[in-house]
Amino acid sequence: MIENEVLSRIEFLLKYRRWSVYKLAQASGLPYSSLNNIFNRKTCPTIPTLEKICFGLNISLSDFFDYSSNPLRTNNLTDHEQELINCYQSLSVHDKELFDTYLQGLCKKNPLK
């Protein structure tokens, strides 16, 4: 029972961030095969593994288990602004550089007031 809730929470956070299991493995320092096995076998991760998952997502364990909130959501942003941030976070380093350059060009063309 709890396994399903924990796995569902991880899947929700991954989907919200637009991350794959591979991206989570990179961010958390966990082997991709270990994370993949957790999902394929529908097993609950150990507390140390869950701590590493939370570290990779940049949230605390208490945030993870607070099902009433989304710890990845920035409250003072609109849904559209939050979606833009989520998309940006899913980009590769190279694509982030391209995006930054494009955005700087747009801001110079249409300066913020």
Protein backbone atom coordinates (compact mmCIF):
# COMPACT_ATOMS: atom_id res chain seq x y z
CA MET A 1 0.00 0.00 0.00
CA ILE A 2 2.60 2.57 1.04
CA GLU A 3 4.81 1.43 -1.84
CA ASN A 4 2.20 2.63 -4.32
CA GLU A 5 1.89 6.00 -2.59
CA VAL A 6 5.65 6.55 -2.51
CA LEU A 7 6.08 5.51 -6.15
CA SER A 8 3.13 7.65 -7.20
CA ARG A 9 4.63 10.63 -5.40
CA ILE A 10 7.99 10.16 -7.11
CA GLU A 11 6.27 9.79 -10.49
CA PHE A 12 4.22 12.93 -9.84
CA LEU A 13 7.33 14.94 -8.97
CA LEU A 14 9.19 13.61 -12.01
CA LYS A 15 6.30 14.45 -14.30
CA TYR A 16 5.99 17.91 -12.78
CA ARG A 17 9.68 18.55 -13.34
CA ARG A 18 9.54 16.93 -16.78
CA TRP A 19 12.32 14.61 -15.68
CA SER A 20 12.99 11.05 -16.69
CA VAL A 21 14.19 8.36 -14.31
CA TYR A 22 17.59 8.79 -15.93
CA LYS A 23 17.64 12.52 -15.10
CA LEU A 24 16.68 11.70 -11.49
CA ALA A 25 19.52 9.17 -11.33
CA GLN A 26 21.97 11.84 -12.48
CA ALA A 27 20.68 14.44 -10.00
CA SER A 28 20.50 12.07 -7.04
CA GLY A 29 23.70 10.13 -7.59
CA LEU A 30 21.80 6.85 -7.64
CA PRO A 31 22.43 4.23 -10.31
CA TYR A 32 19.82 4.35 -13.05
CA SER A 33 19.41 0.57 -12.81
CA SER A 34 18.51 0.84 -9.12
CA LEU A 35 15.84 3.46 -9.74
CA ASN A 36 14.53 1.59 -12.75
CA ASN A 37 14.23 -1.60 -10.69
CA ILE A 38 12.24 0.25 -8.03
CA PHE A 39 9.70 1.32 -10.64
CA ASN A 40 9.61 -1.95 -12.58
CA ARG A 41 9.25 -4.11 -9.49
CA LYS A 42 6.94 -1.64 -7.74
CA THR A 43 9.04 -1.74 -4.58
CA CYS A 44 9.33 0.96 -1.97
CA PRO A 45 12.76 2.61 -1.87
CA THR A 46 14.70 2.42 1.38
CA ILE A 47 14.95 5.55 3.50
CA PRO A 48 18.57 6.23 2.41
CA THR A 49 17.52 5.85 -1.24
CA LEU A 50 14.52 8.11 -0.69
CA GLU A 51 16.79 10.68 0.95
CA LYS A 52 18.99 10.66 -2.16
CA ILE A 53 15.92 11.01 -4.38
CA CYS A 54 14.80 14.01 -2.33
CA PHE A 55 18.32 15.46 -2.52
CA GLY A 56 18.20 15.13 -6.31
CA LEU A 57 14.82 16.87 -6.42
CA ASN A 58 16.10 19.52 -3.97
CA ILE A 59 13.35 18.87 -1.43
CA SER A 60 13.29 17.53 2.12
CA LEU A 61 11.83 14.21 3.24
CA SER A 62 9.08 16.07 5.08
CA ASP A 63 8.26 17.94 1.85
CA PHE A 64 8.13 14.61 0.04
CA PHE A 65 5.56 13.19 2.47
CA ASP A 66 3.44 16.34 2.61
CA TYR A 67 0.89 15.16 0.07
CA SER A 68 -1.20 18.30 0.53
CA SER A 69 1.37 20.44 -1.24
CA ASN A 70 3.72 20.37 -4.19
CA PRO A 71 7.23 21.15 -2.93
CA LEU A 72 8.39 21.92 -6.47
CA ARG A 73 5.76 24.61 -7.00
CA THR A 74 6.76 28.23 -6.44
CA ASN A 75 3.69 29.85 -4.95
CA ASN A 76 4.14 33.39 -6.23
CA LEU A 77 4.20 32.37 -9.91
CA THR A 78 1.33 31.89 -12.29
CA ASP A 79 0.77 28.41 -13.69
CA HIS A 80 2.24 29.55 -17.01
CA GLU A 81 5.36 30.97 -15.36
CA GLN A 82 5.84 27.77 -13.36
CA GLU A 83 5.48 25.69 -16.53
CA LEU A 84 8.19 27.80 -18.20
CA ILE A 85 10.53 27.18 -15.27
CA ASN A 86 9.78 23.45 -15.36
CA CYS A 87 10.55 23.37 -19.08
CA TYR A 88 13.77 25.31 -18.56
CA GLN A 89 14.90 22.92 -15.82
CA SER A 90 14.45 19.97 -18.16
CA LEU A 91 16.74 21.45 -20.84
CA SER A 92 20.31 20.36 -21.42
CA VAL A 93 23.11 22.77 -20.49
CA HIS A 94 23.58 23.67 -24.16
CA ASP A 95 19.87 24.32 -24.70
CA LYS A 96 19.77 26.46 -21.55
CA GLU A 97 22.59 28.57 -22.97
CA LEU A 98 20.69 28.97 -26.24
CA PHE A 99 17.52 29.90 -24.39
CA ASP A 100 19.36 32.42 -22.20
CA THR A 101 20.89 34.08 -25.26
CA TYR A 102 17.53 34.23 -27.03
CA LEU A 103 15.80 35.65 -23.96
CA GLN A 104 18.48 38.31 -23.51
CA GLY A 105 18.00 39.29 -27.16
CA LEU A 106 14.24 39.57 -26.68
CA CYS A 107 14.64 41.70 -23.57
CA LYS A 108 16.97 44.11 -25.40
CA LYS A 109 14.50 44.34 -28.25
CA ASN A 110 11.57 44.85 -25.87
CA PRO A 111 13.06 46.19 -22.62
CA LEU A 112 11.16 45.37 -19.46
CA LYS A 113 9.46 48.39 -17.90
